[in-house]
Amino acid sequence: MKVLVTAKRVVDYNVSIRVLSDNSGVDLNNVKMSVNPFDEIAIEEAVRLKEAGKVEEVIVVSIGTSACGEQIRTALALGADRGILVETEEDMQPLAIAKVFKALIEKEQPKMVILGKQAIDGDNGQTGQMVAALSGLAQATFASEVVVNDDDTATVTREVDGGLEVISVKLPAIITTDLRLNEPRYASLPNIMKAKKKPVDTYSPEDLGVDVTPRVKTLKVTPPAERAAGIIVETVEELVDKLKNEAKVIS
């Protein structure tokens, strides 16, 4: 059984985001980049399935500039077997990424594709669903537990607004990871050294027959408004007065 997982290159979640002076985008100069945290969960789940004997090969995919090779090597150090870099300078948007994954699914024929439910940069939360739709495969989104059965199905516990939902999907299937699926491991030094020798195939979107031209143009990026300083009130009556007349949150 073969599994595809994602390793999107994003600004590290500990970094304070800065906007470029011309408001054309986010300043990425000398900024620490990491694997998208939800993709780390996807990688961990695939590696655990391999350790449990349910999966034979874990293939990590990253789409973007050549710098994405760093995130692929990180995933290989965490236990993935080989990597695929789809190299492009285009601004990759969810539909284009989904089209690339559809082409890779046709090429690699995996039994399962595990993606993070969203990326912390765009926060779109669309790619997994689009991959399923384009590929005509079953999908189980927001997974907090995945069990691969012997009858070519997977039982997935999903986190939904009303609680938990347990579904069964026929493989091959698309699964997106929620926060509580697992706790990603840290890469050991021996595994980091081994990762340098693991194979990474590089393609362009054209090699896969995919047009990744952006369909949405970013006109302007601005930081959120600075939060006003708080005040201290002396009495409950003063608090109620300010909530009513200044904040207008009560009437």
C-alpha atoms as a PDB file:
ATOM      1  CA  MET A   1       0.000   0.000   0.000  1.00  0.00           C
ATOM      2  CA  LYS A   2       1.341   3.395  -1.053  1.00  0.00           C
ATOM      3  CA  VAL A   3       0.490   6.701   0.629  1.00  0.00           C
ATOM      4  CA  LEU A   4       0.992  10.262  -0.620  1.00  0.00           C
ATOM      5  CA  VAL A   5       1.415  13.026   1.959  1.00  0.00           C
ATOM      6  CA  THR A   6       1.965  16.760   1.708  1.00  0.00           C
ATOM      7  CA  ALA A   7       4.719  19.021   3.040  1.00  0.00           C
ATOM      8  CA  LYS A   8       3.824  22.617   2.248  1.00  0.00           C
ATOM      9  CA  ARG A   9       6.467  25.259   2.893  1.00  0.00           C
ATOM     10  CA  VAL A  10       5.041  28.009   5.127  1.00  0.00           C
ATOM     11  CA  VAL A  11       6.321  30.689   7.478  1.00  0.00           C
ATOM     12  CA  ASP A  12       7.032  29.068  10.844  1.00  0.00           C
ATOM     13  CA  TYR A  13       4.108  29.470  13.223  1.00  0.00           C
ATOM     14  CA  ASN A  14       6.362  31.129  15.829  1.00  0.00           C
ATOM     15  CA  VAL A  15       7.312  33.969  13.460  1.00  0.00           C
ATOM     16  CA  SER A  16       5.520  37.321  13.574  1.00  0.00           C
ATOM     17  CA  ILE A  17       4.291  38.036  10.061  1.00  0.00           C
ATOM     18  CA  ARG A  18       5.446  41.287   8.429  1.00  0.00           C
ATOM     19  CA  VAL A  19       3.851  42.891   5.380  1.00  0.00           C
ATOM     20  CA  LEU A  20       6.017  44.362   2.623  1.00  0.00           C
ATOM     21  CA  SER A  21       6.203  48.157   2.517  1.00  0.00           C
ATOM     22  CA  ASP A  22       4.381  48.274  -0.829  1.00  0.00           C
ATOM     23  CA  ASN A  23       1.587  46.019   0.499  1.00  0.00           C
ATOM     24  CA  SER A  24       2.189  43.511  -2.288  1.00  0.00           C
ATOM     25  CA  GLY A  25       2.506  40.523   0.042  1.00  0.00           C
ATOM     26  CA  VAL A  26       4.175  39.048   3.105  1.00  0.00           C
ATOM     27  CA  ASP A  27       7.857  39.741   3.750  1.00  0.00           C
ATOM     28  CA  LEU A  28       9.698  36.403   3.470  1.00  0.00           C
ATOM     29  CA  ASN A  29      13.250  37.784   3.586  1.00  0.00           C
ATOM     30  CA  ASN A  30      15.347  36.024   6.238  1.00  0.00           C
ATOM     31  CA  VAL A  31      12.215  34.432   7.689  1.00  0.00           C
ATOM     32  CA  LYS A  32      12.253  30.924   9.150  1.00  0.00           C
ATOM     33  CA  MET A  33      10.209  28.523   7.005  1.00  0.00           C
ATOM     34  CA  SER A  34       8.793  25.180   8.137  1.00  0.00           C
ATOM     35  CA  VAL A  35       6.476  22.357   7.163  1.00  0.00           C
ATOM     36  CA  ASN A  36       2.836  23.369   7.556  1.00  0.00           C
ATOM     37  CA  PRO A  37       1.824  22.036  11.025  1.00  0.00           C
ATOM     38  CA  PHE A  38      -1.231  20.173   9.704  1.00  0.00           C
ATOM     39  CA  ASP A  39       1.002  18.532   7.093  1.00  0.00           C
ATOM     40  CA  GLU A  40       3.336  17.416   9.877  1.00  0.00           C
ATOM     41  CA  ILE A  41       0.346  15.596  11.344  1.00  0.00           C
ATOM     42  CA  ALA A  42      -0.334  13.988   7.941  1.00  0.00           C
ATOM     43  CA  ILE A  43       3.283  12.823   7.673  1.00  0.00           C
ATOM     44  CA  GLU A  44       3.209  11.418  11.209  1.00  0.00           C
ATOM     45  CA  GLU A  45      -0.002   9.498  10.531  1.00  0.00           C
ATOM     46  CA  ALA A  46       1.399   7.966   7.340  1.00  0.00           C
ATOM     47  CA  VAL A  47       4.601   6.933   9.141  1.00  0.00           C
ATOM     48  CA  ARG A  48       2.593   5.384  11.990  1.00  0.00           C
ATOM     49  CA  LEU A  49       0.546   3.388   9.470  1.00  0.00           C
ATOM     50  CA  LYS A  50       3.797   2.158   7.944  1.00  0.00           C
ATOM     51  CA  GLU A  51       5.161   1.193  11.366  1.00  0.00           C
ATOM     52  CA  ALA A  52       1.921  -0.723  11.998  1.00  0.00           C
ATOM     53  CA  GLY A  53       2.451  -2.724   8.805  1.00  0.00           C
ATOM     54  CA  LYS A  54      -0.518  -1.171   6.972  1.00  0.00           C
ATOM     55  CA  VAL A  55       1.585   0.863   4.529  1.00  0.00           C
ATOM     56  CA  GLU A  56       4.604  -0.128   2.465  1.00  0.00           C
ATOM     57  CA  GLU A  57       5.753   3.247   1.122  1.00  0.00           C
ATOM     58  CA  VAL A  58       5.251   6.862   2.180  1.00  0.00           C
ATOM     59  CA  ILE A  59       5.824   9.476  -0.519  1.00  0.00           C
ATOM     60  CA  VAL A  60       5.990  13.142   0.468  1.00  0.00           C
ATOM     61  CA  VAL A  61       5.008  15.822  -2.043  1.00  0.00           C
ATOM     62  CA  SER A  62       5.787  19.532  -2.010  1.00  0.00           C
ATOM     63  CA  ILE A  63       4.783  22.037  -4.675  1.00  0.00           C
ATOM     64  CA  GLY A  64       6.604  25.333  -5.109  1.00  0.00           C
ATOM     65  CA  THR A  65      10.089  26.721  -5.582  1.00  0.00           C
ATOM     66  CA  SER A  66      13.289  24.707  -5.250  1.00  0.00           C
ATOM     67  CA  ALA A  67      13.455  25.838  -1.603  1.00  0.00           C
ATOM     68  CA  CYS A  68      10.624  23.371  -0.872  1.00  0.00           C
ATOM     69  CA  GLY A  69      13.265  20.660  -1.027  1.00  0.00           C
ATOM     70  CA  GLU A  70      14.134  21.617   2.549  1.00  0.00           C
ATOM     71  CA  GLN A  71      10.646  20.644   3.735  1.00  0.00           C
ATOM     72  CA  ILE A  72      10.800  17.395   1.750  1.00  0.00           C
ATOM     73  CA  ARG A  73      14.060  16.468   3.487  1.00  0.00           C
ATOM     74  CA  THR A  74      12.434  17.238   6.837  1.00  0.00           C
ATOM     75  CA  ALA A  75       9.595  14.840   6.006  1.00  0.00           C
ATOM     76  CA  LEU A  76      12.073  12.190   4.878  1.00  0.00           C
ATOM     77  CA  ALA A  77      13.878  12.542   8.211  1.00  0.00           C
ATOM     78  CA  LEU A  78      10.539  11.967   9.955  1.00  0.00           C
ATOM     79  CA  GLY A  79      10.099   8.629   8.212  1.00  0.00           C
ATOM     80  CA  ALA A  80       8.871   9.169   4.642  1.00  0.00           C
ATOM     81  CA  ASP A  81      10.559   6.939   2.041  1.00  0.00           C
ATOM     82  CA  ARG A  82      10.935   9.238  -0.956  1.00  0.00           C
ATOM     83  CA  GLY A  83       9.980  12.693  -2.111  1.00  0.00           C
ATOM     84  CA  ILE A  84       8.447  14.431  -5.089  1.00  0.00           C
ATOM     85  CA  LEU A  85       9.058  18.124  -5.743  1.00  0.00           C
ATOM     86  CA  VAL A  86       6.828  19.806  -8.294  1.00  0.00           C
ATOM     87  CA  GLU A  87       8.934  22.881  -8.948  1.00  0.00           C
ATOM     88  CA  THR A  88       7.320  26.130 -10.058  1.00  0.00           C
ATOM     89  CA  GLU A  89       7.691  29.854  -9.457  1.00  0.00           C
ATOM     90  CA  GLU A  90       3.946  30.447  -9.782  1.00  0.00           C
ATOM     91  CA  ASP A  91       1.795  31.438  -6.824  1.00  0.00           C
ATOM     92  CA  MET A  92       0.184  28.065  -6.154  1.00  0.00           C
ATOM     93  CA  GLN A  93      -3.511  28.284  -5.333  1.00  0.00           C
ATOM     94  CA  PRO A  94      -5.759  25.443  -4.062  1.00  0.00           C
ATOM     95  CA  LEU A  95      -7.255  24.461  -7.424  1.00  0.00           C
ATOM     96  CA  ALA A  96      -3.848  24.340  -9.120  1.00  0.00           C
ATOM     97  CA  ILE A  97      -2.441  22.254  -6.258  1.00  0.00           C
ATOM     98  CA  ALA A  98      -5.412  19.892  -6.524  1.00  0.00           C
ATOM     99  CA  LYS A  99      -4.802  19.468 -10.258  1.00  0.00           C
ATOM    100  CA  VAL A 100      -1.156  18.614  -9.599  1.00  0.00           C
ATOM    101  CA  PHE A 101      -2.206  16.036  -7.009  1.00  0.00           C
ATOM    102  CA  LYS A 102      -4.703  14.519  -9.420  1.00  0.00           C
ATOM    103  CA  ALA A 103      -1.860  14.022 -11.918  1.00  0.00           C
ATOM    104  CA  LEU A 104       0.384  12.513  -9.228  1.00  0.00           C
ATOM    105  CA  ILE A 105      -2.391  10.170  -8.090  1.00  0.00           C
ATOM    106  CA  GLU A 106      -2.746   8.910 -11.653  1.00  0.00           C
ATOM    107  CA  LYS A 107       1.031   8.490 -11.855  1.00  0.00           C
ATOM    108  CA  GLU A 108       1.711   6.881  -8.462  1.00  0.00           C
ATOM    109  CA  GLN A 109      -1.613   5.049  -7.872  1.00  0.00           C
ATOM    110  CA  PRO A 110      -1.613   5.445  -4.067  1.00  0.00           C
ATOM    111  CA  LYS A 111      -4.231   3.795  -1.876  1.00  0.00           C
ATOM    112  CA  MET A 112      -4.438   6.854   0.332  1.00  0.00           C
ATOM    113  CA  VAL A 113      -3.621  10.559   0.143  1.00  0.00           C
ATOM    114  CA  ILE A 114      -3.257  12.330   3.492  1.00  0.00           C
ATOM    115  CA  LEU A 115      -3.194  16.126   3.534  1.00  0.00           C
ATOM    116  CA  GLY A 116      -3.347  18.756   6.242  1.00  0.00           C
ATOM    117  CA  LYS A 117      -6.885  20.112   6.510  1.00  0.00           C
ATOM    118  CA  GLN A 118      -5.524  23.621   5.846  1.00  0.00           C
ATOM    119  CA  ALA A 119      -2.299  25.595   5.553  1.00  0.00           C
ATOM    120  CA  ILE A 120      -1.517  28.279   8.104  1.00  0.00           C
ATOM    121  CA  ASP A 121      -0.618  30.827   5.420  1.00  0.00           C
ATOM    122  CA  GLY A 122      -3.750  31.031   3.252  1.00  0.00           C
ATOM    123  CA  ASP A 123      -6.067  29.169   5.673  1.00  0.00           C
ATOM    124  CA  ASN A 124      -8.246  28.172   2.711  1.00  0.00           C
ATOM    125  CA  GLY A 125      -9.008  24.601   3.783  1.00  0.00           C
ATOM    126  CA  GLN A 126      -9.980  23.646   0.222  1.00  0.00           C
ATOM    127  CA  THR A 127      -7.264  21.495  -1.321  1.00  0.00           C
ATOM    128  CA  GLY A 128      -8.207  18.076   0.068  1.00  0.00           C
ATOM    129  CA  GLN A 129     -11.818  18.395  -1.006  1.00  0.00           C
ATOM    130  CA  MET A 130     -10.783  19.593  -4.472  1.00  0.00           C
ATOM    131  CA  VAL A 131      -8.377  16.658  -4.888  1.00  0.00           C
ATOM    132  CA  ALA A 132     -11.191  14.242  -4.025  1.00  0.00           C
ATOM    133  CA  ALA A 133     -13.602  15.909  -6.445  1.00  0.00           C
ATOM    134  CA  LEU A 134     -11.153  16.025  -9.364  1.00  0.00           C
ATOM    135  CA  SER A 135      -9.953  12.456  -8.772  1.00  0.00           C
ATOM    136  CA  GLY A 136     -13.394  10.974  -8.136  1.00  0.00           C
ATOM    137  CA  LEU A 137     -12.206   9.421  -4.861  1.00  0.00           C
ATOM    138  CA  ALA A 138     -13.855   9.069  -1.463  1.00  0.00           C
ATOM    139  CA  GLN A 139     -12.942  11.693   1.113  1.00  0.00           C
ATOM    140  CA  ALA A 140     -12.824  11.901   4.902  1.00  0.00           C
ATOM    141  CA  THR A 141     -12.011  15.403   6.102  1.00  0.00           C
ATOM    142  CA  PHE A 142     -10.999  16.694   9.560  1.00  0.00           C
ATOM    143  CA  ALA A 143      -9.878  13.267  10.734  1.00  0.00           C
ATOM    144  CA  SER A 144      -9.042  12.751  14.409  1.00  0.00           C
ATOM    145  CA  GLU A 145      -8.590   8.967  14.066  1.00  0.00           C
ATOM    146  CA  VAL A 146      -7.800   6.747  11.078  1.00  0.00           C
ATOM    147  CA  VAL A 147      -8.018   2.948  11.105  1.00  0.00           C
ATOM    148  CA  VAL A 148      -7.082   1.008   7.968  1.00  0.00           C
ATOM    149  CA  ASN A 149      -9.087  -2.223   7.704  1.00  0.00           C
ATOM    150  CA  ASP A 150      -8.210  -5.479   5.964  1.00  0.00           C
ATOM    151  CA  ASP A 151     -11.146  -5.202   3.545  1.00  0.00           C
ATOM    152  CA  ASP A 152      -9.679  -2.248   1.605  1.00  0.00           C
ATOM    153  CA  THR A 153     -11.582   0.325   3.636  1.00  0.00           C
ATOM    154  CA  ALA A 154     -10.647   2.881   6.269  1.00  0.00           C
ATOM    155  CA  THR A 155     -12.687   3.857   9.321  1.00  0.00           C
ATOM    156  CA  VAL A 156     -12.271   7.558  10.032  1.00  0.00           C
ATOM    157  CA  THR A 157     -13.440   9.560  13.028  1.00  0.00           C
ATOM    158  CA  ARG A 158     -14.203  13.120  11.947  1.00  0.00           C
ATOM    159  CA  GLU A 159     -14.447  16.249  14.052  1.00  0.00           C
ATOM    160  CA  VAL A 160     -17.671  18.061  13.158  1.00  0.00           C
ATOM    161  CA  ASP A 161     -19.565  20.962  14.724  1.00  0.00           C
ATOM    162  CA  GLY A 162     -21.871  18.651  16.667  1.00  0.00           C
ATOM    163  CA  GLY A 163     -19.115  16.385  18.020  1.00  0.00           C
ATOM    164  CA  LEU A 164     -17.613  13.325  16.340  1.00  0.00           C
ATOM    165  CA  GLU A 165     -18.723  11.449  13.235  1.00  0.00           C
ATOM    166  CA  VAL A 166     -17.423   7.975  12.338  1.00  0.00           C
ATOM    167  CA  ILE A 167     -17.492   7.011   8.665  1.00  0.00           C
ATOM    168  CA  SER A 168     -16.124   4.208   6.508  1.00  0.00           C
ATOM    169  CA  VAL A 169     -14.505   5.043   3.164  1.00  0.00           C
ATOM    170  CA  LYS A 170     -13.440   2.712   0.412  1.00  0.00           C
ATOM    171  CA  LEU A 171      -9.793   2.973  -0.586  1.00  0.00           C
ATOM    172  CA  PRO A 172      -8.269   4.729  -2.433  1.00  0.00           C
ATOM    173  CA  ALA A 173      -9.396   7.791  -0.518  1.00  0.00           C
ATOM    174  CA  ILE A 174      -8.442  11.347   0.393  1.00  0.00           C
ATOM    175  CA  ILE A 175      -8.038  12.122   4.107  1.00  0.00           C
ATOM    176  CA  THR A 176      -7.381  15.510   5.680  1.00  0.00           C
ATOM    177  CA  THR A 177      -5.944  15.753   9.177  1.00  0.00           C
ATOM    178  CA  ASP A 178      -7.327  17.588  12.163  1.00  0.00           C
ATOM    179  CA  LEU A 179      -5.271  18.828  15.087  1.00  0.00           C
ATOM    180  CA  ARG A 180      -6.034  15.924  17.428  1.00  0.00           C
ATOM    181  CA  LEU A 181      -5.132  13.089  15.046  1.00  0.00           C
ATOM    182  CA  ASN A 182      -1.659  12.667  16.558  1.00  0.00           C
ATOM    183  CA  GLU A 183       1.391  14.391  18.011  1.00  0.00           C
ATOM    184  CA  PRO A 184       4.177  14.671  15.390  1.00  0.00           C
ATOM    185  CA  ARG A 185       7.571  13.328  16.381  1.00  0.00           C
ATOM    186  CA  TYR A 186      10.941  15.054  16.223  1.00  0.00           C
ATOM    187  CA  ALA A 187      13.533  13.888  13.709  1.00  0.00           C
ATOM    188  CA  SER A 188      16.546  12.141  15.215  1.00  0.00           C
ATOM    189  CA  LEU A 189      20.070  12.982  14.046  1.00  0.00           C
ATOM    190  CA  PRO A 190      20.616   9.535  12.425  1.00  0.00           C
ATOM    191  CA  ASN A 191      17.343   9.902  10.498  1.00  0.00           C
ATOM    192  CA  ILE A 192      18.323  13.417   9.384  1.00  0.00           C
ATOM    193  CA  MET A 193      21.540  11.972   7.947  1.00  0.00           C
ATOM    194  CA  LYS A 194      19.671   9.098   6.271  1.00  0.00           C
ATOM    195  CA  ALA A 195      17.206  11.546   4.723  1.00  0.00           C
ATOM    196  CA  LYS A 196      20.010  13.082   2.660  1.00  0.00           C
ATOM    197  CA  LYS A 197      20.347   9.810   0.739  1.00  0.00           C
ATOM    198  CA  LYS A 198      16.663   9.197   0.103  1.00  0.00           C
ATOM    199  CA  PRO A 199      15.490   9.827  -3.481  1.00  0.00           C
ATOM    200  CA  VAL A 200      13.608  12.980  -4.483  1.00  0.00           C
ATOM    201  CA  ASP A 201      12.067  13.206  -7.960  1.00  0.00           C
ATOM    202  CA  THR A 202      11.601  16.655  -9.460  1.00  0.00           C
ATOM    203  CA  TYR A 203       8.902  17.536 -11.989  1.00  0.00           C
ATOM    204  CA  SER A 204       7.483  20.714 -13.418  1.00  0.00           C
ATOM    205  CA  PRO A 205       3.729  21.244 -13.775  1.00  0.00           C
ATOM    206  CA  GLU A 206       4.254  20.976 -17.526  1.00  0.00           C
ATOM    207  CA  ASP A 207       5.783  17.507 -17.069  1.00  0.00           C
ATOM    208  CA  LEU A 208       2.521  16.475 -15.433  1.00  0.00           C
ATOM    209  CA  GLY A 209       0.364  18.216 -18.031  1.00  0.00           C
ATOM    210  CA  VAL A 210      -1.059  20.702 -15.540  1.00  0.00           C
ATOM    211  CA  ASP A 211      -1.712  24.418 -16.020  1.00  0.00           C
ATOM    212  CA  VAL A 212      -1.041  26.181 -12.699  1.00  0.00           C
ATOM    213  CA  THR A 213      -1.611  29.747 -13.870  1.00  0.00           C
ATOM    214  CA  PRO A 214      -3.158  31.642 -10.914  1.00  0.00           C
ATOM    215  CA  ARG A 215      -6.849  32.436 -11.266  1.00  0.00           C
ATOM    216  CA  VAL A 216      -6.933  34.905  -8.384  1.00  0.00           C
ATOM    217  CA  LYS A 217      -4.770  38.023  -8.216  1.00  0.00           C
ATOM    218  CA  THR A 218      -3.774  39.538  -4.889  1.00  0.00           C
ATOM    219  CA  LEU A 219      -4.313  43.287  -5.111  1.00  0.00           C
ATOM    220  CA  LYS A 220      -3.208  44.339  -1.654  1.00  0.00           C
ATOM    221  CA  VAL A 221      -2.062  42.856   1.648  1.00  0.00           C
ATOM    222  CA  THR A 222      -2.419  44.845   4.879  1.00  0.00           C
ATOM    223  CA  PRO A 223      -1.722  43.903   8.486  1.00  0.00           C
ATOM    224  CA  PRO A 224      -4.634  43.773  10.939  1.00  0.00           C
ATOM    225  CA  ALA A 225      -5.407  46.931  12.880  1.00  0.00           C
ATOM    226  CA  GLU A 226      -3.450  47.281  16.090  1.00  0.00           C
ATOM    227  CA  ARG A 227      -5.425  46.410  19.176  1.00  0.00           C
ATOM    228  CA  ALA A 228      -6.294  49.372  21.366  1.00  0.00           C
ATOM    229  CA  ALA A 229      -4.893  49.446  24.863  1.00  0.00           C
ATOM    230  CA  GLY A 230      -7.152  48.268  27.642  1.00  0.00           C
ATOM    231  CA  ILE A 231      -8.462  50.410  30.491  1.00  0.00           C
ATOM    232  CA  ILE A 232      -9.180  49.740  34.148  1.00  0.00           C
ATOM    233  CA  VAL A 233     -12.616  50.629  35.506  1.00  0.00           C
ATOM    234  CA  GLU A 234     -13.349  51.253  39.136  1.00  0.00           C
ATOM    235  CA  THR A 235     -16.905  49.914  39.419  1.00  0.00           C
ATOM    236  CA  VAL A 236     -19.323  47.523  37.771  1.00  0.00           C
ATOM    237  CA  GLU A 237     -21.554  50.468  36.891  1.00  0.00           C
ATOM    238  CA  GLU A 238     -18.715  52.135  34.992  1.00  0.00           C
ATOM    239  CA  LEU A 239     -18.017  48.882  33.137  1.00  0.00           C
ATOM    240  CA  VAL A 240     -21.672  48.528  32.128  1.00  0.00           C
ATOM    241  CA  ASP A 241     -21.758  52.160  31.013  1.00  0.00           C
ATOM    242  CA  LYS A 242     -18.731  51.730  28.759  1.00  0.00           C
ATOM    243  CA  LEU A 243     -20.032  48.457  27.303  1.00  0.00           C
ATOM    244  CA  LYS A 244     -23.336  50.146  26.546  1.00  0.00           C
ATOM    245  CA  ASN A 245     -22.300  53.584  25.323  1.00  0.00           C
ATOM    246  CA  GLU A 246     -18.764  53.144  23.960  1.00  0.00           C
ATOM    247  CA  ALA A 247     -18.431  49.510  22.864  1.00  0.00           C
ATOM    248  CA  LYS A 248     -22.166  49.244  22.147  1.00  0.00           C
ATOM    249  CA  VAL A 249     -22.112  45.504  22.877  1.00  0.00           C
ATOM    250  CA  ILE A 250     -25.147  45.652  25.165  1.00  0.00           C
ATOM    251  CA  SER A 251     -28.369  47.589  24.873  1.00  0.00           C
END
